[in-house]
């Protein structure tokens, strides 16, 4: 088994692309990038040098993933979501080599047209609402929306908003797994 790429896709060597990965129309995978197994890279996607995508990452259309971004397994990047790589860009000032790191944790979802300002990490199974602008780190399982983004709740691994009882306990309605909220952190039990 190997990966498949549409004839219009550009793949710069050397790079690593895992088995079962699909790369669609007009996408560009730059050299020294790594894409895991069973990923789906939508149309008009840029994967820059040094980007690392884990297994089963779904990248929707019109997303540019810039150097400094790493995604763990099972991450979902919604259509036209945006990553930055320099905090203070200026056209006349060259800042290559000053790219900031952004890490997206396992199972996280970034909604359509959301912006992730570089240097801020997204926790595992976090859910970034469509159009949100992330300007600080996001906790594991957190649900954030707005500009600037603010946390409005917690999400299960199946993508359902968790309703905690007075003891700080919640059960996912789909997966039936149990979660505990303590000290403003969620843990799956």
N, C-alpha and C. Protein backbone atom coordinates (compact mmCIF):
# COMPACT_ATOMS: atom_id res chain seq x y z
N UNK A 1 0.85 -1.19 0.00
CA UNK A 1 0.00 0.00 0.00
C UNK A 1 0.88 1.24 0.00
N UNK A 2 0.37 2.33 -0.55
CA UNK A 2 1.10 3.59 -0.56
C UNK A 2 0.08 4.73 -0.56
N UNK A 3 0.57 5.96 -0.66
CA UNK A 3 -0.34 7.10 -0.70
C UNK A 3 -0.79 7.35 -2.13
N UNK A 4 -1.86 8.14 -2.27
CA UNK A 4 -2.35 8.53 -3.59
C UNK A 4 -2.42 10.05 -3.66
N UNK A 5 -2.00 10.60 -4.78
CA UNK A 5 -2.04 12.05 -4.99
C UNK A 5 -2.67 12.33 -6.35
N UNK A 6 -3.55 13.33 -6.37
CA UNK A 6 -4.15 13.76 -7.63
C UNK A 6 -3.03 14.29 -8.54
N UNK A 7 -3.17 14.14 -9.86
CA UNK A 7 -2.12 14.62 -10.78
C UNK A 7 -1.79 16.11 -10.64
N UNK A 8 -2.71 16.92 -10.14
CA UNK A 8 -2.43 18.36 -9.99
C UNK A 8 -1.69 18.66 -8.69
N UNK A 9 -1.56 17.70 -7.79
CA UNK A 9 -0.85 17.93 -6.52
C UNK A 9 0.64 17.99 -6.78
N UNK A 10 1.34 18.83 -6.01
CA UNK A 10 2.80 18.96 -6.08
C UNK A 10 3.40 18.34 -4.82
N UNK A 11 4.29 17.38 -5.00
CA UNK A 11 4.95 16.72 -3.89
C UNK A 11 6.45 16.97 -4.04
N UNK A 12 7.04 17.74 -3.14
CA UNK A 12 8.47 18.04 -3.19
C UNK A 12 9.23 17.00 -2.38
N UNK A 13 10.28 16.47 -2.97
CA UNK A 13 11.12 15.47 -2.29
C UNK A 13 12.33 16.15 -1.67
N UNK A 14 12.82 15.65 -0.53
CA UNK A 14 12.29 14.51 0.20
C UNK A 14 11.20 14.93 1.19
N UNK A 15 10.22 14.07 1.34
CA UNK A 15 9.21 14.20 2.37
C UNK A 15 8.72 12.80 2.71
N UNK A 16 7.99 12.67 3.80
CA UNK A 16 7.48 11.36 4.21
C UNK A 16 5.96 11.42 4.18
N UNK A 17 5.35 10.49 3.45
CA UNK A 17 3.89 10.41 3.37
C UNK A 17 3.49 8.96 3.64
N UNK A 18 2.62 8.77 4.64
CA UNK A 18 2.25 7.44 5.08
C UNK A 18 1.29 6.72 4.15
N UNK A 19 1.26 5.41 4.29
CA UNK A 19 0.36 4.56 3.51
C UNK A 19 -1.09 4.96 3.72
N UNK A 20 -1.86 4.89 2.65
CA UNK A 20 -3.30 5.15 2.73
C UNK A 20 -3.67 6.61 2.70
N UNK A 21 -2.70 7.51 2.65
CA UNK A 21 -2.99 8.94 2.62
C UNK A 21 -3.44 9.36 1.22
N UNK A 22 -4.41 10.27 1.20
CA UNK A 22 -4.93 10.83 -0.06
C UNK A 22 -4.61 12.32 -0.10
N UNK A 23 -4.07 12.79 -1.24
CA UNK A 23 -3.74 14.20 -1.43
C UNK A 23 -4.51 14.66 -2.67
N UNK A 24 -5.36 15.67 -2.50
CA UNK A 24 -6.30 16.05 -3.54
C UNK A 24 -5.81 17.21 -4.39
N UNK A 25 -6.69 17.72 -5.25
CA UNK A 25 -6.40 18.69 -6.31
C UNK A 25 -5.65 19.93 -5.81
N UNK A 26 -4.62 20.29 -6.54
CA UNK A 26 -3.88 21.56 -6.37
C UNK A 26 -3.26 21.74 -4.99
N UNK A 27 -3.02 20.65 -4.28
CA UNK A 27 -2.35 20.74 -2.98
C UNK A 27 -0.84 20.65 -3.17
N UNK A 28 -0.10 21.20 -2.21
CA UNK A 28 1.37 21.26 -2.30
C UNK A 28 1.96 20.76 -0.99
N UNK A 29 2.72 19.68 -1.07
CA UNK A 29 3.44 19.14 0.08
C UNK A 29 4.91 19.48 -0.13
N UNK A 30 5.46 20.31 0.76
CA UNK A 30 6.83 20.78 0.60
C UNK A 30 7.84 19.80 1.19
N UNK A 31 9.09 19.94 0.77
CA UNK A 31 10.14 19.03 1.22
C UNK A 31 10.30 19.10 2.74
N UNK A 32 10.77 17.99 3.28
CA UNK A 32 11.05 17.85 4.71
C UNK A 32 9.81 17.92 5.59
N UNK A 33 8.64 17.69 5.01
CA UNK A 33 7.42 17.58 5.80
C UNK A 33 7.12 16.10 6.02
N UNK A 34 6.29 15.83 7.04
CA UNK A 34 5.93 14.46 7.37
C UNK A 34 4.42 14.36 7.51
N UNK A 35 3.81 13.44 6.76
CA UNK A 35 2.37 13.19 6.83
C UNK A 35 2.19 11.72 7.17
N UNK A 36 1.41 11.44 8.21
CA UNK A 36 1.23 10.06 8.67
C UNK A 36 0.32 9.24 7.78
N UNK A 37 0.03 8.04 8.23
CA UNK A 37 -0.82 7.11 7.50
C UNK A 37 -2.28 7.55 7.54
N UNK A 38 -3.00 7.20 6.46
CA UNK A 38 -4.46 7.37 6.37
C UNK A 38 -4.93 8.82 6.60
N UNK A 39 -4.13 9.77 6.16
CA UNK A 39 -4.54 11.18 6.23
C UNK A 39 -5.32 11.54 4.97
N UNK A 40 -6.10 12.59 5.06
CA UNK A 40 -6.81 13.12 3.90
C UNK A 40 -6.46 14.60 3.78
N UNK A 41 -5.76 14.94 2.71
CA UNK A 41 -5.33 16.31 2.47
C UNK A 41 -6.24 16.85 1.35
N UNK A 42 -7.13 17.78 1.70
CA UNK A 42 -8.13 18.29 0.77
C UNK A 42 -7.55 19.10 -0.37
N UNK A 43 -8.43 19.75 -1.11
CA UNK A 43 -8.01 20.55 -2.25
C UNK A 43 -7.37 21.87 -1.81
N UNK A 44 -6.36 22.30 -2.58
CA UNK A 44 -5.72 23.60 -2.37
C UNK A 44 -5.15 23.74 -0.95
N UNK A 45 -4.47 22.70 -0.49
CA UNK A 45 -3.84 22.69 0.84
C UNK A 45 -2.34 22.84 0.67
N UNK A 46 -1.72 23.62 1.56
CA UNK A 46 -0.27 23.74 1.62
C UNK A 46 0.21 23.09 2.90
N UNK A 47 1.16 22.15 2.77
CA UNK A 47 1.85 21.56 3.92
C UNK A 47 3.30 22.02 3.80
N UNK A 48 3.70 22.98 4.61
CA UNK A 48 5.04 23.57 4.50
C UNK A 48 6.13 22.64 5.05
N UNK A 49 7.37 23.00 4.76
CA UNK A 49 8.52 22.26 5.26
C UNK A 49 8.49 22.19 6.78
N UNK A 50 8.92 21.06 7.30
CA UNK A 50 9.05 20.81 8.74
C UNK A 50 7.71 20.59 9.45
N UNK A 51 6.59 20.68 8.75
CA UNK A 51 5.29 20.36 9.35
C UNK A 51 5.24 18.86 9.61
N UNK A 52 4.63 18.48 10.72
CA UNK A 52 4.43 17.07 11.04
C UNK A 52 2.94 16.84 11.30
N UNK A 53 2.35 15.93 10.52
CA UNK A 53 0.96 15.52 10.72
C UNK A 53 0.96 14.05 11.13
N UNK A 54 0.24 13.73 12.19
CA UNK A 54 0.15 12.35 12.66
C UNK A 54 -0.73 11.51 11.76
N UNK A 55 -1.14 10.37 12.27
CA UNK A 55 -2.01 9.45 11.52
C UNK A 55 -3.45 9.95 11.53
N UNK A 56 -4.17 9.66 10.44
CA UNK A 56 -5.61 9.93 10.34
C UNK A 56 -5.97 11.40 10.54
N UNK A 57 -5.11 12.30 10.10
CA UNK A 57 -5.40 13.73 10.15
C UNK A 57 -6.24 14.10 8.93
N UNK A 58 -7.31 14.83 9.16
CA UNK A 58 -8.19 15.27 8.07
C UNK A 58 -8.01 16.76 7.90
N UNK A 59 -7.53 17.17 6.72
CA UNK A 59 -7.32 18.58 6.40
C UNK A 59 -8.31 18.95 5.30
N UNK A 60 -9.24 19.83 5.60
CA UNK A 60 -10.25 20.23 4.63
C UNK A 60 -9.65 21.22 3.63
N UNK A 61 -10.44 21.65 2.66
CA UNK A 61 -9.96 22.50 1.57
C UNK A 61 -9.45 23.86 2.04
N UNK A 62 -8.47 24.40 1.30
CA UNK A 62 -7.97 25.77 1.46
C UNK A 62 -7.31 26.03 2.81
N UNK A 63 -6.53 25.09 3.29
CA UNK A 63 -5.80 25.26 4.55
C UNK A 63 -4.32 25.32 4.25
N UNK A 64 -3.62 26.30 4.84
CA UNK A 64 -2.16 26.38 4.76
C UNK A 64 -1.60 26.06 6.14
N UNK A 65 -0.79 25.01 6.21
CA UNK A 65 -0.18 24.59 7.46
C UNK A 65 1.29 24.97 7.37
N UNK A 66 1.67 25.99 8.14
CA UNK A 66 3.00 26.57 8.01
C UNK A 66 4.02 25.89 8.90
N UNK A 67 5.30 26.09 8.57
CA UNK A 67 6.41 25.55 9.37
C UNK A 67 6.22 25.92 10.83
N UNK A 68 6.46 24.96 11.69
CA UNK A 68 6.29 25.15 13.13
C UNK A 68 5.05 24.48 13.67
N UNK A 69 4.14 24.03 12.79
CA UNK A 69 2.91 23.37 13.23
C UNK A 69 3.12 21.87 13.26
N UNK A 70 2.70 21.25 14.36
CA UNK A 70 2.66 19.79 14.47
C UNK A 70 1.26 19.40 14.93
N UNK A 71 0.75 18.32 14.34
CA UNK A 71 -0.56 17.79 14.69
C UNK A 71 -0.40 16.33 15.09
N UNK A 72 -0.97 15.96 16.24
CA UNK A 72 -0.99 14.57 16.65
C UNK A 72 -2.01 13.80 15.82
N UNK A 73 -2.18 12.52 16.11
CA UNK A 73 -3.12 11.67 15.40
C UNK A 73 -4.56 12.19 15.55
N UNK A 74 -5.38 11.90 14.53
CA UNK A 74 -6.83 12.11 14.55
C UNK A 74 -7.27 13.57 14.65
N UNK A 75 -6.43 14.50 14.23
CA UNK A 75 -6.78 15.93 14.24
C UNK A 75 -7.65 16.24 13.02
N UNK A 76 -8.63 17.13 13.20
CA UNK A 76 -9.48 17.61 12.11
C UNK A 76 -9.25 19.10 11.93
N UNK A 77 -8.84 19.51 10.73
CA UNK A 77 -8.62 20.92 10.40
C UNK A 77 -9.69 21.34 9.41
N UNK A 78 -10.63 22.18 9.85
CA UNK A 78 -11.77 22.58 9.06
C UNK A 78 -11.41 23.46 7.88
N UNK A 79 -12.36 23.62 6.94
CA UNK A 79 -12.10 24.39 5.73
C UNK A 79 -11.62 25.81 6.02
N UNK A 80 -10.58 26.21 5.33
CA UNK A 80 -10.05 27.58 5.38
C UNK A 80 -9.60 28.01 6.77
N UNK A 81 -9.33 27.06 7.68
CA UNK A 81 -8.75 27.49 8.97
C UNK A 81 -7.34 28.01 8.70
N UNK A 82 -6.84 28.84 9.61
CA UNK A 82 -5.61 29.59 9.38
C UNK A 82 -4.63 29.37 10.52
N UNK A 83 -3.38 29.12 10.15
CA UNK A 83 -2.28 29.09 11.11
C UNK A 83 -1.35 30.25 10.79
N UNK A 84 -0.78 30.87 11.81
CA UNK A 84 0.27 31.86 11.58
C UNK A 84 1.58 31.25 12.07
N UNK A 85 2.70 31.85 11.71
CA UNK A 85 3.98 31.33 12.21
C UNK A 85 4.91 32.41 12.74
N UNK A 86 4.51 33.67 12.62
CA UNK A 86 5.28 34.78 13.17
C UNK A 86 4.30 35.71 13.88
N UNK A 87 4.64 36.12 15.10
CA UNK A 87 3.73 36.97 15.88
C UNK A 87 3.65 38.39 15.33
N UNK A 88 4.78 38.91 14.87
CA UNK A 88 4.83 40.31 14.46
C UNK A 88 5.35 40.44 13.03
N UNK A 89 4.60 39.94 12.04
CA UNK A 89 5.10 39.99 10.66
C UNK A 89 5.16 41.42 10.11
N UNK A 90 6.18 41.65 9.32
CA UNK A 90 6.34 42.89 8.56
C UNK A 90 6.92 42.50 7.20
N UNK A 91 6.39 43.09 6.16
CA UNK A 91 6.86 42.75 4.82
C UNK A 91 8.34 43.06 4.64
N UNK A 92 8.80 44.16 5.17
CA UNK A 92 10.19 44.59 4.96
C UNK A 92 11.18 43.91 5.90
N UNK A 93 10.70 43.18 6.89
CA UNK A 93 11.58 42.53 7.86
C UNK A 93 11.49 41.02 7.67
N UNK A 94 12.62 40.39 7.37
CA UNK A 94 12.64 38.95 7.15
C UNK A 94 12.73 38.25 8.50
N UNK A 95 11.75 37.38 8.77
CA UNK A 95 11.70 36.69 10.05
C UNK A 95 11.82 35.16 9.89
N UNK A 96 12.26 34.69 8.72
CA UNK A 96 12.50 33.26 8.57
C UNK A 96 13.49 32.83 9.64
N UNK A 97 13.27 31.70 10.23
CA UNK A 97 14.12 31.25 11.33
C UNK A 97 13.59 31.67 12.67
N UNK A 98 12.55 32.51 12.67
CA UNK A 98 11.91 32.95 13.92
C UNK A 98 10.50 32.38 14.05
N UNK A 99 10.21 31.34 13.28
CA UNK A 99 8.87 30.76 13.31
C UNK A 99 8.58 30.17 14.69
N UNK A 100 7.40 30.46 15.19
CA UNK A 100 7.00 29.94 16.49
C UNK A 100 6.31 28.59 16.33
N UNK A 101 6.37 27.79 17.38
CA UNK A 101 5.80 26.44 17.36
C UNK A 101 4.33 26.48 17.79
N UNK A 102 3.54 25.64 17.13
CA UNK A 102 2.14 25.44 17.50
C UNK A 102 1.87 23.95 17.46
N UNK A 103 1.38 23.40 18.56
CA UNK A 103 1.11 21.97 18.63
C UNK A 103 -0.39 21.74 18.80
N UNK A 104 -0.94 20.84 17.98
CA UNK A 104 -2.35 20.48 18.04
C UNK A 104 -2.43 19.06 18.59
N UNK A 105 -3.09 18.89 19.75
CA UNK A 105 -3.14 17.60 20.43
C UNK A 105 -4.06 16.60 19.75
N UNK A 106 -3.88 15.36 20.13
CA UNK A 106 -4.62 14.23 19.54
C UNK A 106 -6.14 14.47 19.58
N UNK A 107 -6.78 14.23 18.45
CA UNK A 107 -8.23 14.27 18.37
C UNK A 107 -8.86 15.65 18.38
N UNK A 108 -8.06 16.71 18.37
CA UNK A 108 -8.60 18.07 18.40
C UNK A 108 -9.29 18.40 17.08
N UNK A 109 -10.28 19.30 17.17
CA UNK A 109 -11.00 19.80 16.00
C UNK A 109 -10.83 21.30 15.92
N UNK A 110 -10.47 21.79 14.73
CA UNK A 110 -10.41 23.23 14.49
C UNK A 110 -11.45 23.54 13.42
N UNK A 111 -12.41 24.38 13.76
CA UNK A 111 -13.54 24.67 12.89
C UNK A 111 -13.18 25.53 11.69
N UNK A 112 -14.12 25.60 10.77
CA UNK A 112 -13.95 26.38 9.54
C UNK A 112 -13.61 27.83 9.85
N UNK A 113 -12.66 28.37 9.12
CA UNK A 113 -12.26 29.78 9.21
C UNK A 113 -11.71 30.20 10.56
N UNK A 114 -11.39 29.26 11.44
CA UNK A 114 -10.75 29.61 12.71
C UNK A 114 -9.31 30.01 12.44
N UNK A 115 -8.76 30.86 13.32
CA UNK A 115 -7.37 31.30 13.22
C UNK A 115 -6.64 30.88 14.49
N UNK A 116 -5.50 30.22 14.32
CA UNK A 116 -4.67 29.82 15.45
C UNK A 116 -3.41 30.68 15.39
N UNK A 117 -3.30 31.64 16.32
CA UNK A 117 -2.12 32.50 16.37
C UNK A 117 -0.96 31.66 16.89
N UNK A 118 0.18 31.74 16.22
CA UNK A 118 1.32 30.88 16.51
C UNK A 118 1.78 31.00 17.96
N UNK A 119 2.41 29.93 18.43
CA UNK A 119 2.95 29.90 19.78
C UNK A 119 1.93 29.46 20.82
N UNK A 120 0.74 29.06 20.38
CA UNK A 120 -0.31 28.62 21.31
C UNK A 120 -0.69 27.19 20.98
N UNK A 121 -0.71 26.34 21.99
CA UNK A 121 -0.99 24.93 21.78
C UNK A 121 -2.46 24.64 22.02
N UNK A 122 -2.96 23.65 21.28
CA UNK A 122 -4.34 23.20 21.39
C UNK A 122 -4.29 21.82 22.04
N UNK A 123 -4.99 21.65 23.15
CA UNK A 123 -4.96 20.39 23.89
C UNK A 123 -5.69 19.26 23.19
N UNK A 124 -5.47 18.05 23.68
CA UNK A 124 -6.10 16.88 23.06
C UNK A 124 -7.61 16.96 23.19
N UNK A 125 -8.29 16.59 22.14
CA UNK A 125 -9.75 16.55 22.02
C UNK A 125 -10.41 17.91 22.25
N UNK A 126 -9.63 18.99 22.18
CA UNK A 126 -10.22 20.34 22.26
C UNK A 126 -11.05 20.58 21.00
N UNK A 127 -11.96 21.54 21.10
CA UNK A 127 -12.85 21.86 19.98
C UNK A 127 -12.84 23.36 19.79
N UNK A 128 -12.30 23.81 18.65
CA UNK A 128 -12.22 25.23 18.34
C UNK A 128 -13.37 25.55 17.39
N UNK A 129 -14.31 26.38 17.82
CA UNK A 129 -15.49 26.70 17.02
C UNK A 129 -15.14 27.44 15.74
N UNK A 130 -16.04 27.34 14.76
CA UNK A 130 -15.85 28.02 13.48
C UNK A 130 -15.64 29.51 13.69
N UNK A 131 -14.64 30.07 13.04
CA UNK A 131 -14.37 31.51 13.09
C UNK A 131 -13.67 31.99 14.34
N UNK A 132 -13.37 31.10 15.29
CA UNK A 132 -12.69 31.52 16.52
C UNK A 132 -11.27 31.99 16.21
N UNK A 133 -10.77 32.90 17.03
CA UNK A 133 -9.39 33.36 16.92
C UNK A 133 -8.68 33.00 18.23
N UNK A 134 -7.80 32.00 18.16
CA UNK A 134 -7.13 31.48 19.35
C UNK A 134 -5.88 32.30 19.61
N UNK A 135 -5.85 32.97 20.79
CA UNK A 135 -4.73 33.84 21.15
C UNK A 135 -4.04 33.39 22.43
N UNK A 136 -4.40 32.19 22.92
CA UNK A 136 -3.74 31.61 24.10
C UNK A 136 -3.91 30.10 24.04
N UNK A 137 -3.17 29.40 24.89
CA UNK A 137 -3.25 27.93 24.90
C UNK A 137 -4.68 27.49 25.22
N UNK A 138 -5.06 26.34 24.67
CA UNK A 138 -6.39 25.77 24.88
C UNK A 138 -6.22 24.43 25.59
N UNK A 139 -6.94 24.23 26.69
CA UNK A 139 -6.82 23.03 27.51
C UNK A 139 -7.38 21.79 26.82
N UNK A 140 -6.95 20.62 27.27
CA UNK A 140 -7.52 19.37 26.81
C UNK A 140 -9.04 19.40 26.99
N UNK A 141 -9.79 18.94 26.02
CA UNK A 141 -11.24 18.81 26.03
C UNK A 141 -12.01 20.14 26.05
N UNK A 142 -11.32 21.27 25.98
CA UNK A 142 -11.99 22.57 26.06
C UNK A 142 -12.75 22.89 24.78
N UNK A 143 -13.87 23.59 24.93
CA UNK A 143 -14.65 24.12 23.81
C UNK A 143 -14.48 25.63 23.84
N UNK A 144 -13.91 26.20 22.75
CA UNK A 144 -13.69 27.64 22.69
C UNK A 144 -14.33 28.21 21.43
N UNK A 145 -14.84 29.44 21.55
CA UNK A 145 -15.48 30.15 20.44
C UNK A 145 -15.14 31.63 20.54
N UNK A 146 -15.38 32.37 19.46
CA UNK A 146 -15.31 33.83 19.49
C UNK A 146 -13.97 34.40 19.11
N UNK A 147 -13.94 35.78 19.11
CA UNK A 147 -12.76 36.54 18.77
C UNK A 147 -12.56 37.66 19.78
N UNK A 148 -11.54 37.58 20.64
CA UNK A 148 -10.65 36.44 20.82
C UNK A 148 -11.42 35.26 21.43
N UNK A 149 -10.91 34.06 21.23
CA UNK A 149 -11.64 32.89 21.70
C UNK A 149 -11.71 32.87 23.22
N UNK A 150 -12.82 32.32 23.70
CA UNK A 150 -13.02 32.14 25.13
C UNK A 150 -13.65 30.77 25.34
N UNK A 151 -13.34 30.16 26.45
CA UNK A 151 -13.87 28.82 26.71
C UNK A 151 -15.30 28.92 27.20
N UNK A 152 -16.18 28.08 26.59
CA UNK A 152 -17.60 28.08 26.99
C UNK A 152 -18.05 26.70 27.46
N UNK A 153 -17.13 25.74 27.51
CA UNK A 153 -17.52 24.41 27.97
C UNK A 153 -16.44 23.39 27.70
N UNK A 154 -16.87 22.13 27.76
CA UNK A 154 -15.98 20.99 27.59
C UNK A 154 -16.60 20.01 26.60
N UNK A 155 -15.76 19.30 25.86
CA UNK A 155 -16.22 18.35 24.85
C UNK A 155 -15.71 16.95 25.14
N UNK A 156 -16.51 15.96 24.74
CA UNK A 156 -16.09 14.56 24.86
C UNK A 156 -15.21 14.20 23.67
N UNK A 157 -14.60 13.02 23.74
CA UNK A 157 -13.78 12.55 22.63
C UNK A 157 -14.62 12.29 21.38
N UNK A 158 -15.93 12.11 21.55
CA UNK A 158 -16.83 11.91 20.42
C UNK A 158 -17.37 13.23 19.86
N UNK A 159 -17.00 14.36 20.47
CA UNK A 159 -17.41 15.66 19.96
C UNK A 159 -18.76 16.13 20.47
N UNK A 160 -19.15 15.72 21.68
CA UNK A 160 -20.39 16.19 22.30
C UNK A 160 -20.06 17.09 23.48
N UNK A 161 -20.85 18.14 23.64
CA UNK A 161 -20.65 19.03 24.79
C UNK A 161 -21.01 18.27 26.06
N UNK A 162 -20.12 18.35 27.04
CA UNK A 162 -20.31 17.63 28.29
C UNK A 162 -21.10 18.47 29.28
N UNK A 163 -22.06 17.84 29.94
CA UNK A 163 -22.87 18.48 30.99
C UNK A 163 -22.48 17.85 32.32
N UNK A 164 -21.76 18.60 33.14
CA UNK A 164 -21.27 18.06 34.41
C UNK A 164 -22.30 18.26 35.51
N UNK A 165 -22.44 17.24 36.38
CA UNK A 165 -23.31 17.37 37.56
C UNK A 165 -22.57 18.10 38.67
N UNK A 166 -23.19 18.26 39.81
CA UNK A 166 -22.58 19.00 40.93
C UNK A 166 -21.32 18.33 41.46
N UNK A 167 -21.17 17.04 41.22
CA UNK A 167 -19.96 16.32 41.65
C UNK A 167 -18.85 16.45 40.62
N UNK A 168 -19.10 17.14 39.51
CA UNK A 168 -18.09 17.29 38.47
C UNK A 168 -17.97 16.06 37.59
N UNK A 169 -19.09 15.33 37.42
CA UNK A 169 -19.09 14.12 36.62
C UNK A 169 -19.96 14.30 35.39
N UNK A 170 -19.54 13.69 34.28
CA UNK A 170 -20.33 13.73 33.05
C UNK A 170 -20.09 12.45 32.27
N UNK A 171 -21.09 12.08 31.47
CA UNK A 171 -20.99 10.91 30.59
C UNK A 171 -21.31 11.35 29.17
N UNK A 172 -20.47 10.92 28.22
CA UNK A 172 -20.71 11.24 26.82
C UNK A 172 -21.96 10.49 26.35
N UNK A 173 -22.91 11.21 25.73
CA UNK A 173 -24.14 10.54 25.28
C UNK A 173 -23.92 9.51 24.17
N UNK A 174 -22.84 9.64 23.41
CA UNK A 174 -22.59 8.69 22.32
C UNK A 174 -21.63 7.59 22.73
N UNK A 175 -20.47 7.96 23.22
CA UNK A 175 -19.44 6.97 23.55
C UNK A 175 -19.60 6.34 24.91
N UNK A 176 -20.44 6.96 25.77
CA UNK A 176 -20.72 6.46 27.12
C UNK A 176 -19.50 6.49 28.04
N UNK A 177 -18.42 7.15 27.63
CA UNK A 177 -17.28 7.23 28.52
C UNK A 177 -17.54 8.28 29.60
N UNK A 178 -16.85 8.12 30.73
CA UNK A 178 -17.07 8.93 31.93
C UNK A 178 -15.96 9.97 32.05
N UNK A 179 -16.33 11.22 32.38
CA UNK A 179 -15.38 12.32 32.53
C UNK A 179 -15.53 12.94 33.92
N UNK A 180 -14.42 13.45 34.42
CA UNK A 180 -14.39 14.10 35.72
C UNK A 180 -13.79 15.49 35.56
N UNK A 181 -14.47 16.51 36.10
CA UNK A 181 -13.98 17.90 36.08
C UNK A 181 -13.51 18.25 37.48
N UNK A 182 -12.22 18.58 37.61
CA UNK A 182 -11.64 18.99 38.90
C UNK A 182 -10.53 19.99 38.62
N UNK A 183 -10.47 21.04 39.42
CA UNK A 183 -9.45 22.08 39.28
C UNK A 183 -9.39 22.64 37.86
N UNK A 184 -10.57 22.83 37.25
CA UNK A 184 -10.72 23.37 35.91
C UNK A 184 -9.96 22.55 34.85
N UNK A 185 -9.91 21.23 35.07
CA UNK A 185 -9.33 20.30 34.10
C UNK A 185 -10.27 19.12 33.98
N UNK A 186 -10.36 18.58 32.76
CA UNK A 186 -11.19 17.41 32.51
C UNK A 186 -10.30 16.21 32.27
N UNK A 187 -10.69 15.09 32.87
CA UNK A 187 -9.99 13.82 32.65
C UNK A 187 -11.03 12.76 32.29
N UNK A 188 -10.68 11.90 31.37
CA UNK A 188 -11.53 10.76 31.04
C UNK A 188 -11.14 9.63 31.99
N UNK A 189 -12.15 9.02 32.59
CA UNK A 189 -11.88 7.91 33.54
C UNK A 189 -12.18 6.58 32.92
